[in-house]
């Protein structure tokens, strides 16, 4: 099975079944990555870091922007980053 044949969203972006919460957050990520790597059947993934960041950062930013009702100053403060950095990330993900 090739790297591209594995649907990464099944592992990183979606919860299966009715369970809505996985605690702690790091355990959720670890479990999702373990499933992803297991499904590769020994094949080495390419660009794993970039893939994980793309899968996590966009929905994370969307959630924060919804939570702050699109107030970039509040969102940047909540995230602990500079507002200009937030703007760059929003633009990079097409969320501006």
PDB file of N, CA and C in Angstrom:
ATOM      1  N   UNK A   1       0.851  -1.186   0.000  1.00  0.00           N
ATOM      2  CA  UNK A   1       0.000   0.000   0.000  1.00  0.00           C
ATOM      3  C   UNK A   1       0.886   1.236   0.000  1.00  0.00           C
ATOM      4  N   UNK A   2       0.672   2.112  -0.914  1.00  0.00           N
ATOM      5  CA  UNK A   2       1.464   3.333  -1.013  1.00  0.00           C
ATOM      6  C   UNK A   2       0.983   4.364  -0.009  1.00  0.00           C
ATOM      7  N   UNK A   3       1.863   5.284   0.322  1.00  0.00           N
ATOM      8  CA  UNK A   3       1.552   6.361   1.274  1.00  0.00           C
ATOM      9  C   UNK A   3       0.292   7.106   0.873  1.00  0.00           C
ATOM     10  N   UNK A   4       0.165   7.438  -0.387  1.00  0.00           N
ATOM     11  CA  UNK A   4      -0.966   8.247  -0.828  1.00  0.00           C
ATOM     12  C   UNK A   4      -2.279   7.471  -0.821  1.00  0.00           C
ATOM     13  N   UNK A   5      -2.212   6.146  -0.747  1.00  0.00           N
ATOM     14  CA  UNK A   5      -3.432   5.346  -0.768  1.00  0.00           C
ATOM     15  C   UNK A   5      -4.146   5.335   0.575  1.00  0.00           C
ATOM     16  N   UNK A   6      -3.482   5.759   1.627  1.00  0.00           N
ATOM     17  CA  UNK A   6      -4.096   5.781   2.949  1.00  0.00           C
ATOM     18  C   UNK A   6      -4.828   7.099   3.120  1.00  0.00           C
ATOM     19  N   UNK A   7      -6.085   7.020   3.500  1.00  0.00           N
ATOM     20  CA  UNK A   7      -6.875   8.234   3.701  1.00  0.00           C
ATOM     21  C   UNK A   7      -6.517   8.833   5.048  1.00  0.00           C
ATOM     22  N   UNK A   8      -5.690   9.858   5.041  1.00  0.00           N
ATOM     23  CA  UNK A   8      -5.209  10.446   6.291  1.00  0.00           C
ATOM     24  C   UNK A   8      -6.332  11.054   7.112  1.00  0.00           C
ATOM     25  N   UNK A   9      -7.405  11.501   6.485  1.00  0.00           N
ATOM     26  CA  UNK A   9      -8.515  12.085   7.234  1.00  0.00           C
ATOM     27  C   UNK A   9      -9.197  11.063   8.122  1.00  0.00           C
ATOM     28  N   UNK A  10      -9.164   9.796   7.720  1.00  0.00           N
ATOM     29  CA  UNK A  10      -9.740   8.757   8.566  1.00  0.00           C
ATOM     30  C   UNK A  10      -8.987   8.649   9.880  1.00  0.00           C
ATOM     31  N   UNK A  11      -7.750   9.062   9.885  1.00  0.00           N
ATOM     32  CA  UNK A  11      -6.920   8.898  11.068  1.00  0.00           C
ATOM     33  C   UNK A  11      -6.791  10.175  11.880  1.00  0.00           C
ATOM     34  N   UNK A  12      -6.622  11.279  11.231  1.00  0.00           N
ATOM     35  CA  UNK A  12      -6.285  12.502  11.943  1.00  0.00           C
ATOM     36  C   UNK A  12      -7.440  13.471  12.094  1.00  0.00           C
ATOM     37  N   UNK A  13      -8.399  13.434  11.221  1.00  0.00           N
ATOM     38  CA  UNK A  13      -9.405  14.471  11.257  1.00  0.00           C
ATOM     39  C   UNK A  13     -10.785  14.058  11.720  1.00  0.00           C
ATOM     40  N   UNK A  14     -11.025  12.783  11.896  1.00  0.00           N
ATOM     41  CA  UNK A  14     -12.371  12.335  12.204  1.00  0.00           C
ATOM     42  C   UNK A  14     -12.352  11.362  13.372  1.00  0.00           C
ATOM     43  N   UNK A  15     -13.396  11.448  14.207  1.00  0.00           N
ATOM     44  CA  UNK A  15     -13.621  10.448  15.246  1.00  0.00           C
ATOM     45  C   UNK A  15     -14.649   9.476  14.704  1.00  0.00           C
ATOM     46  N   UNK A  16     -14.426   8.188  14.912  1.00  0.00           N
ATOM     47  CA  UNK A  16     -15.384   7.191  14.462  1.00  0.00           C
ATOM     48  C   UNK A  16     -16.313   6.840  15.602  1.00  0.00           C
ATOM     49  N   UNK A  17     -17.536   6.447  15.263  1.00  0.00           N
ATOM     50  CA  UNK A  17     -18.499   6.069  16.281  1.00  0.00           C
ATOM     51  C   UNK A  17     -19.097   7.283  16.953  1.00  0.00           C
ATOM     52  N   UNK A  18     -19.630   7.069  18.131  1.00  0.00           N
ATOM     53  CA  UNK A  18     -20.311   8.151  18.829  1.00  0.00           C
ATOM     54  C   UNK A  18     -19.419   8.883  19.809  1.00  0.00           C
ATOM     55  N   UNK A  19     -18.218   8.391  20.041  1.00  0.00           N
ATOM     56  CA  UNK A  19     -17.314   9.042  20.989  1.00  0.00           C
ATOM     57  C   UNK A  19     -16.949  10.425  20.480  1.00  0.00           C
ATOM     58  N   UNK A  20     -17.130  11.421  21.327  1.00  0.00           N
ATOM     59  CA  UNK A  20     -16.867  12.795  20.913  1.00  0.00           C
ATOM     60  C   UNK A  20     -15.625  13.363  21.565  1.00  0.00           C
ATOM     61  N   UNK A  21     -15.081  12.696  22.561  1.00  0.00           N
ATOM     62  CA  UNK A  21     -13.964  13.271  23.291  1.00  0.00           C
ATOM     63  C   UNK A  21     -12.897  12.205  23.522  1.00  0.00           C
ATOM     64  N   UNK A  22     -11.671  12.614  23.351  1.00  0.00           N
ATOM     65  CA  UNK A  22     -10.531  11.736  23.604  1.00  0.00           C
ATOM     66  C   UNK A  22      -9.585  12.519  24.498  1.00  0.00           C
ATOM     67  N   UNK A  23      -9.321  12.018  25.672  1.00  0.00           N
ATOM     68  CA  UNK A  23      -8.493  12.745  26.635  1.00  0.00           C
ATOM     69  C   UNK A  23      -7.252  11.951  26.953  1.00  0.00           C
ATOM     70  N   UNK A  24      -6.148  12.547  27.224  1.00  0.00           N
ATOM     71  CA  UNK A  24      -5.824  13.929  26.870  1.00  0.00           C
ATOM     72  C   UNK A  24      -5.617  14.069  25.365  1.00  0.00           C
ATOM     73  N   UNK A  25      -5.533  15.295  24.911  1.00  0.00           N
ATOM     74  CA  UNK A  25      -5.439  15.574  23.478  1.00  0.00           C
ATOM     75  C   UNK A  25      -4.266  14.842  22.831  1.00  0.00           C
ATOM     76  N   UNK A  26      -3.119  14.843  23.509  1.00  0.00           N
ATOM     77  CA  UNK A  26      -1.945  14.159  22.962  1.00  0.00           C
ATOM     78  C   UNK A  26      -2.203  12.687  22.704  1.00  0.00           C
ATOM     79  N   UNK A  27      -3.018  12.064  23.559  1.00  0.00           N
ATOM     80  CA  UNK A  27      -3.349  10.651  23.375  1.00  0.00           C
ATOM     81  C   UNK A  27      -4.183  10.449  22.113  1.00  0.00           C
ATOM     82  N   UNK A  28      -5.035  11.407  21.800  1.00  0.00           N
ATOM     83  CA  UNK A  28      -5.838  11.336  20.570  1.00  0.00           C
ATOM     84  C   UNK A  28      -4.932  11.364  19.339  1.00  0.00           C
ATOM     85  N   UNK A  29      -3.999  12.288  19.346  1.00  0.00           N
ATOM     86  CA  UNK A  29      -3.065  12.416  18.222  1.00  0.00           C
ATOM     87  C   UNK A  29      -2.215  11.154  18.100  1.00  0.00           C
ATOM     88  N   UNK A  30      -1.720  10.672  19.230  1.00  0.00           N
ATOM     89  CA  UNK A  30      -0.891   9.464  19.218  1.00  0.00           C
ATOM     90  C   UNK A  30      -1.667   8.272  18.666  1.00  0.00           C
ATOM     91  N   UNK A  31      -2.912   8.109  19.086  1.00  0.00           N
ATOM     92  CA  UNK A  31      -3.731   6.997  18.605  1.00  0.00           C
ATOM     93  C   UNK A  31      -4.002   7.119  17.109  1.00  0.00           C
ATOM     94  N   UNK A  32      -4.295   8.333  16.648  1.00  0.00           N
ATOM     95  CA  UNK A  32      -4.559   8.548  15.225  1.00  0.00           C
ATOM     96  C   UNK A  32      -3.319   8.254  14.389  1.00  0.00           C
ATOM     97  N   UNK A  33      -2.167   8.704  14.849  1.00  0.00           N
ATOM     98  CA  UNK A  33      -0.922   8.441  14.118  1.00  0.00           C
ATOM     99  C   UNK A  33      -0.575   6.961  14.128  1.00  0.00           C
ATOM    100  N   UNK A  34      -0.827   6.295  15.238  1.00  0.00           N
ATOM    101  CA  UNK A  34      -0.560   4.854  15.312  1.00  0.00           C
ATOM    102  C   UNK A  34      -1.417   4.105  14.291  1.00  0.00           C
ATOM    103  N   UNK A  35      -2.703   4.470  14.182  1.00  0.00           N
ATOM    104  CA  UNK A  35      -3.582   3.839  13.182  1.00  0.00           C
ATOM    105  C   UNK A  35      -3.082   4.125  11.770  1.00  0.00           C
ATOM    106  N   UNK A  36      -2.678   5.367  11.522  1.00  0.00           N
ATOM    107  CA  UNK A  36      -2.185   5.747  10.200  1.00  0.00           C
ATOM    108  C   UNK A  36      -0.949   4.926   9.827  1.00  0.00           C
ATOM    109  N   UNK A  37       0.011   4.864  10.739  1.00  0.00           N
ATOM    110  CA  UNK A  37       1.247   4.128  10.463  1.00  0.00           C
ATOM    111  C   UNK A  37       0.983   2.634  10.318  1.00  0.00           C
ATOM    112  N   UNK A  38       0.071   2.104  11.098  1.00  0.00           N
ATOM    113  CA  UNK A  38      -0.279   0.687  10.993  1.00  0.00           C
ATOM    114  C   UNK A  38      -0.873   0.383   9.622  1.00  0.00           C
ATOM    115  N   UNK A  39      -1.701   1.280   9.120  1.00  0.00           N
ATOM    116  CA  UNK A  39      -2.332   1.084   7.816  1.00  0.00           C
ATOM    117  C   UNK A  39      -1.342   1.170   6.660  1.00  0.00           C
ATOM    118  N   UNK A  40      -0.161   1.692   6.916  1.00  0.00           N
ATOM    119  CA  UNK A  40       0.864   1.756   5.870  1.00  0.00           C
ATOM    120  C   UNK A  40       1.520   0.402   5.636  1.00  0.00           C
ATOM    121  N   UNK A  41       1.266  -0.554   6.520  1.00  0.00           N
ATOM    122  CA  UNK A  41       1.803  -1.917   6.384  1.00  0.00           C
ATOM    123  C   UNK A  41       3.312  -1.935   6.157  1.00  0.00           C
ATOM    124  N   UNK A  42       4.027  -1.161   6.951  1.00  0.00           N
ATOM    125  CA  UNK A  42       5.484  -1.171   6.873  1.00  0.00           C
ATOM    126  C   UNK A  42       6.081  -0.179   5.897  1.00  0.00           C
ATOM    127  N   UNK A  43       5.283   0.411   5.038  1.00  0.00           N
ATOM    128  CA  UNK A  43       5.797   1.425   4.115  1.00  0.00           C
ATOM    129  C   UNK A  43       6.096   2.697   4.896  1.00  0.00           C
ATOM    130  N   UNK A  44       7.123   3.402   4.483  1.00  0.00           N
ATOM    131  CA  UNK A  44       7.502   4.637   5.165  1.00  0.00           C
ATOM    132  C   UNK A  44       6.726   5.814   4.594  1.00  0.00           C
ATOM    133  N   UNK A  45       6.099   6.593   5.468  1.00  0.00           N
ATOM    134  CA  UNK A  45       5.385   7.778   4.982  1.00  0.00           C
ATOM    135  C   UNK A  45       6.369   8.869   4.592  1.00  0.00           C
ATOM    136  N   UNK A  46       5.978   9.689   3.654  1.00  0.00           N
ATOM    137  CA  UNK A  46       6.802  10.815   3.232  1.00  0.00           C
ATOM    138  C   UNK A  46       6.159  12.100   3.722  1.00  0.00           C
ATOM    139  N   UNK A  47       6.946  12.981   4.299  1.00  0.00           N
ATOM    140  CA  UNK A  47       6.433  14.271   4.733  1.00  0.00           C
ATOM    141  C   UNK A  47       5.432  14.186   5.867  1.00  0.00           C
ATOM    142  N   UNK A  48       5.663  13.300   6.812  1.00  0.00           N
ATOM    143  CA  UNK A  48       4.720  13.081   7.906  1.00  0.00           C
ATOM    144  C   UNK A  48       4.492  14.342   8.729  1.00  0.00           C
ATOM    145  N   UNK A  49       5.547  15.080   9.034  1.00  0.00           N
ATOM    146  CA  UNK A  49       5.408  16.302   9.834  1.00  0.00           C
ATOM    147  C   UNK A  49       4.487  17.302   9.137  1.00  0.00           C
ATOM    148  N   UNK A  50       4.749  17.556   7.862  1.00  0.00           N
ATOM    149  CA  UNK A  50       3.946  18.513   7.103  1.00  0.00           C
ATOM    150  C   UNK A  50       2.497  18.048   7.021  1.00  0.00           C
ATOM    151  N   UNK A  51       2.288  16.754   6.803  1.00  0.00           N
ATOM    152  CA  UNK A  51       0.942  16.217   6.711  1.00  0.00           C
ATOM    153  C   UNK A  51       0.172  16.436   8.014  1.00  0.00           C
ATOM    154  N   UNK A  52       0.811  16.137   9.141  1.00  0.00           N
ATOM    155  CA  UNK A  52       0.148  16.301  10.438  1.00  0.00           C
ATOM    156  C   UNK A  52      -0.172  17.771  10.685  1.00  0.00           C
ATOM    157  N   UNK A  53       0.773  18.647  10.398  1.00  0.00           N
ATOM    158  CA  UNK A  53       0.532  20.076  10.613  1.00  0.00           C
ATOM    159  C   UNK A  53      -0.629  20.574   9.755  1.00  0.00           C
ATOM    160  N   UNK A  54      -0.701  20.131   8.506  1.00  0.00           N
ATOM    161  CA  UNK A  54      -1.795  20.551   7.632  1.00  0.00           C
ATOM    162  C   UNK A  54      -3.130  20.007   8.126  1.00  0.00           C
ATOM    163  N   UNK A  55      -3.132  18.782   8.606  1.00  0.00           N
ATOM    164  CA  UNK A  55      -4.363  18.164   9.090  1.00  0.00           C
ATOM    165  C   UNK A  55      -4.857  18.802  10.379  1.00  0.00           C
ATOM    166  N   UNK A  56      -3.950  19.273  11.207  1.00  0.00           N
ATOM    167  CA  UNK A  56      -4.322  19.791  12.528  1.00  0.00           C
ATOM    168  C   UNK A  56      -4.511  21.304  12.517  1.00  0.00           C
ATOM    169  N   UNK A  57      -3.622  22.032  11.855  1.00  0.00           N
ATOM    170  CA  UNK A  57      -3.627  23.486  11.978  1.00  0.00           C
ATOM    171  C   UNK A  57      -4.892  24.144  11.414  1.00  0.00           C
ATOM    172  N   UNK A  58      -5.327  23.745  10.248  1.00  0.00           N
ATOM    173  CA  UNK A  58      -6.497  24.399   9.640  1.00  0.00           C
ATOM    174  C   UNK A  58      -7.747  24.252  10.514  1.00  0.00           C
ATOM    175  N   UNK A  59      -8.153  23.031  10.904  1.00  0.00           N
ATOM    176  CA  UNK A  59      -9.350  22.933  11.748  1.00  0.00           C
ATOM    177  C   UNK A  59      -9.165  23.600  13.105  1.00  0.00           C
ATOM    178  N   UNK A  60      -7.932  23.602  13.600  1.00  0.00           N
ATOM    179  CA  UNK A  60      -7.630  24.274  14.864  1.00  0.00           C
ATOM    180  C   UNK A  60      -7.886  25.772  14.735  1.00  0.00           C
ATOM    181  N   UNK A  61      -7.376  26.369  13.658  1.00  0.00           N
ATOM    182  CA  UNK A  61      -7.589  27.797  13.426  1.00  0.00           C
ATOM    183  C   UNK A  61      -9.067  28.106  13.195  1.00  0.00           C
ATOM    184  N   UNK A  62      -9.753  27.240  12.452  1.00  0.00           N
ATOM    185  CA  UNK A  62     -11.188  27.446  12.221  1.00  0.00           C
ATOM    186  C   UNK A  62     -11.954  27.458  13.540  1.00  0.00           C
ATOM    187  N   UNK A  63     -11.631  26.525  14.417  1.00  0.00           N
ATOM    188  CA  UNK A  63     -12.307  26.434  15.703  1.00  0.00           C
ATOM    189  C   UNK A  63     -12.037  27.670  16.549  1.00  0.00           C
ATOM    190  N   UNK A  64     -10.795  28.117  16.584  1.00  0.00           N
ATOM    191  CA  UNK A  64     -10.446  29.303  17.369  1.00  0.00           C
ATOM    192  C   UNK A  64     -11.143  30.539  16.805  1.00  0.00           C
ATOM    193  N   UNK A  65     -11.197  30.654  15.492  1.00  0.00           N
ATOM    194  CA  UNK A  65     -11.861  31.811  14.892  1.00  0.00           C
ATOM    195  C   UNK A  65     -13.367  31.787  15.165  1.00  0.00           C
ATOM    196  N   UNK A  66     -13.978  30.616  15.144  1.00  0.00           N
ATOM    197  CA  UNK A  66     -15.402  30.524  15.511  1.00  0.00           C
ATOM    198  C   UNK A  66     -15.595  30.917  16.971  1.00  0.00           C
ATOM    199  N   UNK A  67     -14.714  30.405  17.823  1.00  0.00           N
ATOM    200  CA  UNK A  67     -14.809  30.670  19.263  1.00  0.00           C
ATOM    201  C   UNK A  67     -14.706  32.166  19.564  1.00  0.00           C
ATOM    202  N   UNK A  68     -13.870  32.860  18.813  1.00  0.00           N
ATOM    203  CA  UNK A  68     -13.670  34.302  19.038  1.00  0.00           C
ATOM    204  C   UNK A  68     -14.544  35.150  18.110  1.00  0.00           C
ATOM    205  N   UNK A  69     -15.451  34.508  17.404  1.00  0.00           N
ATOM    206  CA  UNK A  69     -16.331  35.195  16.443  1.00  0.00           C
ATOM    207  C   UNK A  69     -15.521  36.023  15.446  1.00  0.00           C
ATOM    208  N   UNK A  70     -14.446  35.408  14.953  1.00  0.00           N
ATOM    209  CA  UNK A  70     -13.553  35.982  13.932  1.00  0.00           C
ATOM    210  C   UNK A  70     -12.786  37.211  14.395  1.00  0.00           C
ATOM    211  N   UNK A  71     -12.670  37.399  15.685  1.00  0.00           N
ATOM    212  CA  UNK A  71     -11.875  38.505  16.218  1.00  0.00           C
ATOM    213  C   UNK A  71     -10.414  38.061  16.246  1.00  0.00           C
ATOM    214  N   UNK A  72      -9.627  38.581  15.312  1.00  0.00           N
ATOM    215  CA  UNK A  72      -8.241  38.148  15.183  1.00  0.00           C
ATOM    216  C   UNK A  72      -7.396  38.516  16.388  1.00  0.00           C
ATOM    217  N   UNK A  73      -7.653  39.636  17.002  1.00  0.00           N
ATOM    218  CA  UNK A  73      -6.890  40.022  18.198  1.00  0.00           C
ATOM    219  C   UNK A  73      -7.128  39.030  19.326  1.00  0.00           C
ATOM    220  N   UNK A  74      -8.395  38.685  19.554  1.00  0.00           N
ATOM    221  CA  UNK A  74      -8.712  37.713  20.595  1.00  0.00           C
ATOM    222  C   UNK A  74      -8.158  36.335  20.254  1.00  0.00           C
ATOM    223  N   UNK A  75      -8.263  35.958  18.984  1.00  0.00           N
ATOM    224  CA  UNK A  75      -7.760  34.655  18.554  1.00  0.00           C
ATOM    225  C   UNK A  75      -6.249  34.565  18.750  1.00  0.00           C
ATOM    226  N   UNK A  76      -5.534  35.606  18.357  1.00  0.00           N
ATOM    227  CA  UNK A  76      -4.078  35.616  18.525  1.00  0.00           C
ATOM    228  C   UNK A  76      -3.709  35.523  19.998  1.00  0.00           C
ATOM    229  N   UNK A  77      -4.435  36.250  20.835  1.00  0.00           N
ATOM    230  CA  UNK A  77      -4.170  36.207  22.274  1.00  0.00           C
ATOM    231  C   UNK A  77      -4.441  34.808  22.827  1.00  0.00           C
ATOM    232  N   UNK A  78      -5.550  34.213  22.429  1.00  0.00           N
ATOM    233  CA  UNK A  78      -5.895  32.866  22.864  1.00  0.00           C
ATOM    234  C   UNK A  78      -4.829  31.856  22.451  1.00  0.00           C
ATOM    235  N   UNK A  79      -4.310  32.021  21.236  1.00  0.00           N
ATOM    236  CA  UNK A  79      -3.286  31.115  20.714  1.00  0.00           C
ATOM    237  C   UNK A  79      -1.891  31.409  21.260  1.00  0.00           C
ATOM    238  N   UNK A  80      -1.711  32.610  21.790  1.00  0.00           N
ATOM    239  CA  UNK A  80      -0.391  32.990  22.285  1.00  0.00           C
ATOM    240  C   UNK A  80       0.582  33.316  21.174  1.00  0.00           C
ATOM    241  N   UNK A  81       0.037  33.836  20.063  1.00  0.00           N
ATOM    242  CA  UNK A  81       0.885  34.224  18.935  1.00  0.00           C
ATOM    243  C   UNK A  81       0.582  35.667  18.557  1.00  0.00           C
ATOM    244  N   UNK A  82       1.479  36.257  17.797  1.00  0.00           N
ATOM    245  CA  UNK A  82       1.315  37.616  17.291  1.00  0.00           C
ATOM    246  C   UNK A  82       0.176  37.649  16.273  1.00  0.00           C
ATOM    247  N   UNK A  83      -0.571  38.738  16.247  1.00  0.00           N
ATOM    248  CA  UNK A  83      -1.693  38.861  15.315  1.00  0.00           C
ATOM    249  C   UNK A  83      -1.233  38.756  13.860  1.00  0.00           C
ATOM    250  N   UNK A  84      -0.069  39.297  13.536  1.00  0.00           N
ATOM    251  CA  UNK A  84       0.443  39.178  12.162  1.00  0.00           C
ATOM    252  C   UNK A  84       0.744  37.727  11.810  1.00  0.00           C
ATOM    253  N   UNK A  85       1.245  36.968  12.775  1.00  0.00           N
ATOM    254  CA  UNK A  85       1.497  35.541  12.553  1.00  0.00           C
ATOM    255  C   UNK A  85       0.180  34.826  12.293  1.00  0.00           C
ATOM    256  N   UNK A  86      -0.839  35.158  13.071  1.00  0.00           N
ATOM    257  CA  UNK A  86      -2.160  34.561  12.863  1.00  0.00           C
ATOM    258  C   UNK A  86      -2.678  34.896  11.469  1.00  0.00           C
ATOM    259  N   UNK A  87      -2.551  36.146  11.061  1.00  0.00           N
ATOM    260  CA  UNK A  87      -3.019  36.550   9.728  1.00  0.00           C
ATOM    261  C   UNK A  87      -2.328  35.745   8.631  1.00  0.00           C
ATOM    262  N   UNK A  88      -1.019  35.541   8.768  1.00  0.00           N
ATOM    263  CA  UNK A  88      -0.274  34.750   7.779  1.00  0.00           C
ATOM    264  C   UNK A  88      -0.798  33.322   7.725  1.00  0.00           C
ATOM    265  N   UNK A  89      -1.050  32.743   8.891  1.00  0.00           N
ATOM    266  CA  UNK A  89      -1.552  31.371   8.945  1.00  0.00           C
ATOM    267  C   UNK A  89      -2.956  31.276   8.357  1.00  0.00           C
ATOM    268  N   UNK A  90      -3.803  32.241   8.662  1.00  0.00           N
ATOM    269  CA  UNK A  90      -5.155  32.249   8.105  1.00  0.00           C
ATOM    270  C   UNK A  90      -5.104  32.353   6.583  1.00  0.00           C
ATOM    271  N   UNK A  91      -4.242  33.225   6.083  1.00  0.00           N
ATOM    272  CA  UNK A  91      -4.095  33.386   4.635  1.00  0.00           C
ATOM    273  C   UNK A  91      -3.559  32.106   4.001  1.00  0.00           C
ATOM    274  N   UNK A  92      -2.562  31.493   4.635  1.00  0.00           N
ATOM    275  CA  UNK A  92      -1.959  30.260   4.122  1.00  0.00           C
ATOM    276  C   UNK A  92      -3.009  29.153   3.971  1.00  0.00           C
ATOM    277  N   UNK A  93      -3.974  29.114   4.883  1.00  0.00           N
ATOM    278  CA  UNK A  93      -5.006  28.075   4.860  1.00  0.00           C
ATOM    279  C   UNK A  93      -6.287  28.533   4.157  1.00  0.00           C
ATOM    280  N   UNK A  94      -6.249  29.730   3.546  1.00  0.00           N
ATOM    281  CA  UNK A  94      -7.420  30.238   2.835  1.00  0.00           C
ATOM    282  C   UNK A  94      -8.573  30.595   3.756  1.00  0.00           C
ATOM    283  N   UNK A  95      -8.245  31.023   4.962  1.00  0.00           N
ATOM    284  CA  UNK A  95      -9.264  31.354   5.956  1.00  0.00           C
ATOM    285  C   UNK A  95      -9.383  32.851   6.194  1.00  0.00           C
ATOM    286  N   UNK A  96      -8.754  33.648   5.341  1.00  0.00           N
ATOM    287  CA  UNK A  96      -8.776  35.104   5.544  1.00  0.00           C
ATOM    288  C   UNK A  96      -9.992  35.749   4.940  1.00  0.00           C
TER     289      UNK A  96
END
